[in-house]
C-alpha atoms as a PDB file:
ATOM      1  CA  UNK A   1      -1.021 -41.440   3.422  1.00  0.00           C
ATOM      2  CA  UNK A   2       0.682 -43.271   6.315  1.00  0.00           C
ATOM      3  CA  UNK A   3       3.257 -45.909   6.811  1.00  0.00           C
ATOM      4  CA  UNK A   4       2.644 -49.217   8.611  1.00  0.00           C
ATOM      5  CA  UNK A   5       5.118 -50.860  11.013  1.00  0.00           C
ATOM      6  CA  UNK A   6       5.987 -53.243   8.177  1.00  0.00           C
ATOM      7  CA  UNK A   7       7.042 -50.481   5.926  1.00  0.00           C
ATOM      8  CA  UNK A   8       4.103 -50.659   3.656  1.00  0.00           C
ATOM      9  CA  UNK A   9       2.096 -47.573   2.693  1.00  0.00           C
ATOM     10  CA  UNK A  10      -1.671 -47.033   3.309  1.00  0.00           C
ATOM     11  CA  UNK A  11      -3.317 -44.431   1.103  1.00  0.00           C
ATOM     12  CA  UNK A  12      -6.807 -42.962   1.349  1.00  0.00           C
ATOM     13  CA  UNK A  13      -8.334 -42.631  -2.005  1.00  0.00           C
ATOM     14  CA  UNK A  14     -11.670 -40.611  -2.834  1.00  0.00           C
ATOM     15  CA  UNK A  15     -13.334 -40.005  -5.992  1.00  0.00           C
ATOM     16  CA  UNK A  16     -17.020 -39.307  -6.898  1.00  0.00           C
ATOM     17  CA  UNK A  17     -17.760 -43.169  -7.175  1.00  0.00           C
ATOM     18  CA  UNK A  18     -15.347 -44.751  -4.833  1.00  0.00           C
ATOM     19  CA  UNK A  19     -13.680 -44.222  -1.435  1.00  0.00           C
ATOM     20  CA  UNK A  20     -11.240 -46.784  -0.072  1.00  0.00           C
ATOM     21  CA  UNK A  21      -7.892 -47.309   1.731  1.00  0.00           C
ATOM     22  CA  UNK A  22      -5.258 -49.098  -0.214  1.00  0.00           C
ATOM     23  CA  UNK A  23      -2.229 -50.821   1.362  1.00  0.00           C
ATOM     24  CA  UNK A  24       0.736 -51.147  -0.731  1.00  0.00           C
ATOM     25  CA  UNK A  25       4.345 -51.947  -0.706  1.00  0.00           C
ATOM     26  CA  UNK A  26       6.823 -49.272  -1.427  1.00  0.00           C
ATOM     27  CA  UNK A  27       7.268 -50.738  -4.968  1.00  0.00           C
ATOM     28  CA  UNK A  28       3.551 -50.141  -5.421  1.00  0.00           C
ATOM     29  CA  UNK A  29       2.183 -53.545  -5.283  1.00  0.00           C
ATOM     30  CA  UNK A  30      -1.337 -53.687  -3.715  1.00  0.00           C
ATOM     31  CA  UNK A  31      -1.647 -55.704  -0.631  1.00  0.00           C
ATOM     32  CA  UNK A  32      -5.206 -55.147   0.417  1.00  0.00           C
ATOM     33  CA  UNK A  33      -8.073 -52.663  -0.085  1.00  0.00           C
ATOM     34  CA  UNK A  34     -10.382 -51.528   2.774  1.00  0.00           C
ATOM     35  CA  UNK A  35     -13.863 -50.227   1.830  1.00  0.00           C
ATOM     36  CA  UNK A  36     -16.322 -52.266   3.854  1.00  0.00           C
ATOM     37  CA  UNK A  37     -16.391 -53.611   7.300  1.00  0.00           C
ATOM     38  CA  UNK A  38     -15.023 -57.226   7.320  1.00  0.00           C
ATOM     39  CA  UNK A  39     -17.646 -58.412   9.644  1.00  0.00           C
ATOM     40  CA  UNK A  40     -20.769 -56.648   8.585  1.00  0.00           C
ATOM     41  CA  UNK A  41     -20.011 -55.528   5.286  1.00  0.00           C
ATOM     42  CA  UNK A  42     -21.079 -51.954   6.052  1.00  0.00           C
ATOM     43  CA  UNK A  43     -19.078 -48.995   4.536  1.00  0.00           C
ATOM     44  CA  UNK A  44     -16.264 -48.042   6.667  1.00  0.00           C
ATOM     45  CA  UNK A  45     -16.142 -44.187   5.695  1.00  0.00           C
ATOM     46  CA  UNK A  46     -17.367 -41.869   3.052  1.00  0.00           C
ATOM     47  CA  UNK A  47     -14.324 -39.575   2.331  1.00  0.00           C
ATOM     48  CA  UNK A  48     -11.076 -40.558   4.007  1.00  0.00           C
ATOM     49  CA  UNK A  49      -9.261 -37.204   4.473  1.00  0.00           C
ATOM     50  CA  UNK A  50      -6.410 -37.944   6.723  1.00  0.00           C
ATOM     51  CA  UNK A  51      -5.131 -41.234   8.283  1.00  0.00           C
ATOM     52  CA  UNK A  52      -2.608 -42.643  10.775  1.00  0.00           C
ATOM     53  CA  UNK A  53      -1.544 -45.990  12.061  1.00  0.00           C
ATOM     54  CA  UNK A  54      -1.373 -46.817  15.730  1.00  0.00           C
ATOM     55  CA  UNK A  55       0.889 -48.819  17.786  1.00  0.00           C
ATOM     56  CA  UNK A  56      -1.641 -51.750  18.030  1.00  0.00           C
ATOM     57  CA  UNK A  57      -1.804 -51.935  13.974  1.00  0.00           C
ATOM     58  CA  UNK A  58      -5.197 -49.957  13.859  1.00  0.00           C
ATOM     59  CA  UNK A  59      -5.619 -47.469  11.003  1.00  0.00           C
ATOM     60  CA  UNK A  60      -7.278 -44.259  12.352  1.00  0.00           C
ATOM     61  CA  UNK A  61      -9.133 -42.153   9.584  1.00  0.00           C
ATOM     62  CA  UNK A  62     -10.633 -38.697   9.451  1.00  0.00           C
ATOM     63  CA  UNK A  63     -13.845 -39.080   7.514  1.00  0.00           C
ATOM     64  CA  UNK A  64     -14.325 -35.565   6.062  1.00  0.00           C
ATOM     65  CA  UNK A  65     -17.846 -36.123   4.816  1.00  0.00           C
ATOM     66  CA  UNK A  66     -19.318 -37.344   8.077  1.00  0.00           C
ATOM     67  CA  UNK A  67     -16.995 -35.456  10.355  1.00  0.00           C
ATOM     68  CA  UNK A  68     -15.998 -38.283  12.328  1.00  0.00           C
ATOM     69  CA  UNK A  69     -12.891 -40.140  13.182  1.00  0.00           C
ATOM     70  CA  UNK A  70     -13.011 -43.948  12.355  1.00  0.00           C
ATOM     71  CA  UNK A  71     -10.683 -46.552  13.958  1.00  0.00           C
ATOM     72  CA  UNK A  72     -10.402 -49.716  11.828  1.00  0.00           C
ATOM     73  CA  UNK A  73      -8.591 -52.714  13.189  1.00  0.00           C
ATOM     74  CA  UNK A  74      -5.980 -54.851  11.339  1.00  0.00           C
ATOM     75  CA  UNK A  75      -8.505 -57.164  10.071  1.00  0.00           C
ATOM     76  CA  UNK A  76     -10.625 -54.363   8.365  1.00  0.00           C
ATOM     77  CA  UNK A  77     -13.342 -54.072  11.075  1.00  0.00           C
ATOM     78  CA  UNK A  78     -14.683 -51.012  12.390  1.00  0.00           C
ATOM     79  CA  UNK A  79     -13.568 -50.788  15.928  1.00  0.00           C
ATOM     80  CA  UNK A  80     -14.800 -47.245  16.961  1.00  0.00           C
ATOM     81  CA  UNK A  81     -16.287 -44.118  15.632  1.00  0.00           C
ATOM     82  CA  UNK A  82     -15.622 -40.780  17.453  1.00  0.00           C
ATOM     83  CA  UNK A  83     -18.012 -37.931  16.663  1.00  0.00           C
ATOM     84  CA  UNK A  84     -17.340 -35.680  19.649  1.00  0.00           C
ATOM     85  CA  UNK A  85     -21.125 -35.396  20.351  1.00  0.00           C
ATOM     86  CA  UNK A  86     -20.692 -35.614  24.081  1.00  0.00           C
ATOM     87  CA  UNK A  87     -17.818 -33.272  24.464  1.00  0.00           C
ATOM     88  CA  UNK A  88     -19.752 -29.936  24.909  1.00  0.00           C
ATOM     89  CA  UNK A  89     -18.158 -28.239  21.827  1.00  0.00           C
ATOM     90  CA  UNK A  90     -19.465 -24.614  20.936  1.00  0.00           C
ATOM     91  CA  UNK A  91     -19.179 -25.362  17.275  1.00  0.00           C
ATOM     92  CA  UNK A  92     -19.705 -28.505  14.990  1.00  0.00           C
ATOM     93  CA  UNK A  93     -16.811 -31.066  15.372  1.00  0.00           C
ATOM     94  CA  UNK A  94     -14.523 -30.702  12.416  1.00  0.00           C
ATOM     95  CA  UNK A  95     -11.587 -32.951  12.396  1.00  0.00           C
ATOM     96  CA  UNK A  96      -8.800 -32.243   9.883  1.00  0.00           C
ATOM     97  CA  UNK A  97      -5.776 -33.998  10.620  1.00  0.00           C
ATOM     98  CA  UNK A  98      -4.693 -36.823  13.170  1.00  0.00           C
ATOM     99  CA  UNK A  99      -1.574 -38.214  14.553  1.00  0.00           C
ATOM    100  CA  UNK A 100      -0.695 -41.007  17.019  1.00  0.00           C
ATOM    101  CA  UNK A 101       1.971 -41.315  19.440  1.00  0.00           C
ATOM    102  CA  UNK A 102       4.282 -44.002  20.949  1.00  0.00           C
ATOM    103  CA  UNK A 103       1.715 -44.565  23.565  1.00  0.00           C
ATOM    104  CA  UNK A 104      -1.148 -45.268  21.088  1.00  0.00           C
ATOM    105  CA  UNK A 105      -3.052 -42.131  21.835  1.00  0.00           C
ATOM    106  CA  UNK A 106      -4.824 -40.413  19.114  1.00  0.00           C
ATOM    107  CA  UNK A 107      -4.428 -36.529  18.502  1.00  0.00           C
ATOM    108  CA  UNK A 108      -7.251 -34.877  16.205  1.00  0.00           C
ATOM    109  CA  UNK A 109      -6.911 -31.211  15.303  1.00  0.00           C
ATOM    110  CA  UNK A 110     -10.490 -29.781  15.445  1.00  0.00           C
ATOM    111  CA  UNK A 111     -10.344 -26.605  13.027  1.00  0.00           C
ATOM    112  CA  UNK A 112     -13.731 -25.156  13.976  1.00  0.00           C
ATOM    113  CA  UNK A 113     -13.410 -25.394  17.769  1.00  0.00           C
ATOM    114  CA  UNK A 114      -9.687 -24.448  17.913  1.00  0.00           C
ATOM    115  CA  UNK A 115      -8.987 -27.622  20.123  1.00  0.00           C
ATOM    116  CA  UNK A 116      -6.814 -30.780  19.941  1.00  0.00           C
ATOM    117  CA  UNK A 117      -8.863 -33.846  21.188  1.00  0.00           C
ATOM    118  CA  UNK A 118      -6.964 -36.640  22.837  1.00  0.00           C
ATOM    119  CA  UNK A 119      -8.365 -40.162  22.566  1.00  0.00           C
ATOM    120  CA  UNK A 120      -6.913 -43.403  23.820  1.00  0.00           C
ATOM    121  CA  UNK A 121      -5.585 -46.068  21.507  1.00  0.00           C
ATOM    122  CA  UNK A 122      -9.295 -47.494  21.211  1.00  0.00           C
ATOM    123  CA  UNK A 123     -10.831 -44.236  20.160  1.00  0.00           C
ATOM    124  CA  UNK A 124     -12.206 -43.263  23.589  1.00  0.00           C
ATOM    125  CA  UNK A 125     -12.035 -39.412  24.506  1.00  0.00           C
ATOM    126  CA  UNK A 126      -9.687 -38.496  27.200  1.00  0.00           C
ATOM    127  CA  UNK A 127      -9.560 -34.790  27.200  1.00  0.00           C
ATOM    128  CA  UNK A 128      -8.988 -31.658  25.182  1.00  0.00           C
ATOM    129  CA  UNK A 129      -5.064 -31.442  25.246  1.00  0.00           C
ATOM    130  CA  UNK A 130      -4.642 -28.065  23.661  1.00  0.00           C
ATOM    131  CA  UNK A 131      -7.339 -25.268  23.114  1.00  0.00           C
ATOM    132  CA  UNK A 132      -7.464 -21.629  22.293  1.00  0.00           C
ATOM    133  CA  UNK A 133      -6.374 -21.173  26.096  1.00  0.00           C
ATOM    134  CA  UNK A 134      -2.968 -22.443  25.075  1.00  0.00           C
ATOM    135  CA  UNK A 135      -2.806 -20.187  21.864  1.00  0.00           C
ATOM    136  CA  UNK A 136      -4.328 -22.894  19.569  1.00  0.00           C
ATOM    137  CA  UNK A 137      -6.300 -21.111  16.707  1.00  0.00           C
ATOM    138  CA  UNK A 138      -7.899 -23.083  14.031  1.00  0.00           C
ATOM    139  CA  UNK A 139      -5.497 -25.978  14.062  1.00  0.00           C
ATOM    140  CA  UNK A 140      -5.042 -27.447  10.472  1.00  0.00           C
ATOM    141  CA  UNK A 141      -2.012 -29.730  10.446  1.00  0.00           C
ATOM    142  CA  UNK A 142      -0.779 -31.818  13.129  1.00  0.00           C
ATOM    143  CA  UNK A 143       2.301 -34.020  13.869  1.00  0.00           C
ATOM    144  CA  UNK A 144       3.984 -35.844  16.629  1.00  0.00           C
ATOM    145  CA  UNK A 145       7.829 -36.350  17.083  1.00  0.00           C
ATOM    146  CA  UNK A 146       9.311 -39.753  17.445  1.00  0.00           C
ATOM    147  CA  UNK A 147       9.907 -39.595  21.148  1.00  0.00           C
ATOM    148  CA  UNK A 148       7.436 -40.521  23.733  1.00  0.00           C
ATOM    149  CA  UNK A 149       6.958 -36.937  24.909  1.00  0.00           C
ATOM    150  CA  UNK A 150       5.131 -36.200  21.634  1.00  0.00           C
ATOM    151  CA  UNK A 151       6.099 -32.842  20.610  1.00  0.00           C
ATOM    152  CA  UNK A 152       3.250 -31.557  18.734  1.00  0.00           C
ATOM    153  CA  UNK A 153       3.123 -29.003  15.955  1.00  0.00           C
ATOM    154  CA  UNK A 154      -0.044 -26.964  14.789  1.00  0.00           C
ATOM    155  CA  UNK A 155      -0.198 -25.231  11.494  1.00  0.00           C
ATOM    156  CA  UNK A 156      -2.833 -22.560  11.634  1.00  0.00           C
ATOM    157  CA  UNK A 157      -3.849 -20.470   8.726  1.00  0.00           C
ATOM    158  CA  UNK A 158      -2.323 -17.397  10.398  1.00  0.00           C
ATOM    159  CA  UNK A 159       1.149 -18.485   9.158  1.00  0.00           C
ATOM    160  CA  UNK A 160       2.259 -19.564  12.732  1.00  0.00           C
ATOM    161  CA  UNK A 161       3.891 -22.830  13.701  1.00  0.00           C
ATOM    162  CA  UNK A 162       3.153 -23.579  17.322  1.00  0.00           C
ATOM    163  CA  UNK A 163       5.255 -26.230  18.939  1.00  0.00           C
ATOM    164  CA  UNK A 164       3.643 -27.879  22.037  1.00  0.00           C
ATOM    165  CA  UNK A 165       5.422 -30.081  24.492  1.00  0.00           C
ATOM    166  CA  UNK A 166       3.371 -32.412  26.688  1.00  0.00           C
ATOM    167  CA  UNK A 167       4.636 -34.413  29.602  1.00  0.00           C
ATOM    168  CA  UNK A 168       2.782 -37.698  30.128  1.00  0.00           C
ATOM    169  CA  UNK A 169       2.638 -39.050  33.591  1.00  0.00           C
ATOM    170  CA  UNK A 170       1.712 -42.792  33.372  1.00  0.00           C
ATOM    171  CA  UNK A 171      -0.077 -43.398  36.641  1.00  0.00           C
ATOM    172  CA  UNK A 172      -2.127 -40.077  36.788  1.00  0.00           C
ATOM    173  CA  UNK A 173      -2.720 -39.599  33.030  1.00  0.00           C
ATOM    174  CA  UNK A 174      -1.815 -35.980  33.656  1.00  0.00           C
ATOM    175  CA  UNK A 175      -0.667 -33.667  30.872  1.00  0.00           C
ATOM    176  CA  UNK A 176       1.093 -30.480  31.192  1.00  0.00           C
ATOM    177  CA  UNK A 177       1.422 -28.281  28.149  1.00  0.00           C
ATOM    178  CA  UNK A 178       4.083 -25.699  27.189  1.00  0.00           C
ATOM    179  CA  UNK A 179       4.143 -24.005  23.958  1.00  0.00           C
ATOM    180  CA  UNK A 180       6.433 -21.920  21.824  1.00  0.00           C
ATOM    181  CA  UNK A 181       5.083 -19.904  18.659  1.00  0.00           C
ATOM    182  CA  UNK A 182       7.348 -19.374  15.653  1.00  0.00           C
ATOM    183  CA  UNK A 183       6.188 -16.917  12.887  1.00  0.00           C
ATOM    184  CA  UNK A 184       6.782 -18.300   9.461  1.00  0.00           C
ATOM    185  CA  UNK A 185       6.414 -16.001   6.498  1.00  0.00           C
ATOM    186  CA  UNK A 186       6.787 -17.500   3.127  1.00  0.00           C
ATOM    187  CA  UNK A 187       6.429 -15.873  -0.204  1.00  0.00           C
ATOM    188  CA  UNK A 188       4.470 -18.427  -2.359  1.00  0.00           C
ATOM    189  CA  UNK A 189       4.635 -16.364  -5.572  1.00  0.00           C
END
């Protein structure tokens, strides 16, 4: 589930027979449904697992079935699909959660490869922002703070929250990463 800039909510729904995105008001009134591409009528995704909206109005969706990230524009047209096939990964790409920042960049936690992929607002790969070299291990959750600096949090299965700070240098597209690890132990019984 994600919120649009107009305050509506977009929810990814999946069942054995139907997969779609539904945009609705906070009162629950359905505004639109996205299942097929608005131009060529092809299926947009098979299993919308995680989603986020971007500054340009695009909806970014992790398709858990195809292990891809799909970028859908405001009109319901598939703008891009990212499958990480050209990124020389050691294991198959396994996107879990995504987030976008104030600059429109797309962050993807890749559980199997222990990296965070960074894409531009159009879904084009820029770099691996965080990896096991920075202490990232099996990233599961992901969030970005509301400031442009994009504080990022990883929620691995090892009960640790790692907070990363990155600094964006606009002209050089250079990122500097600093991290802080916080142990979290919760009794869920």
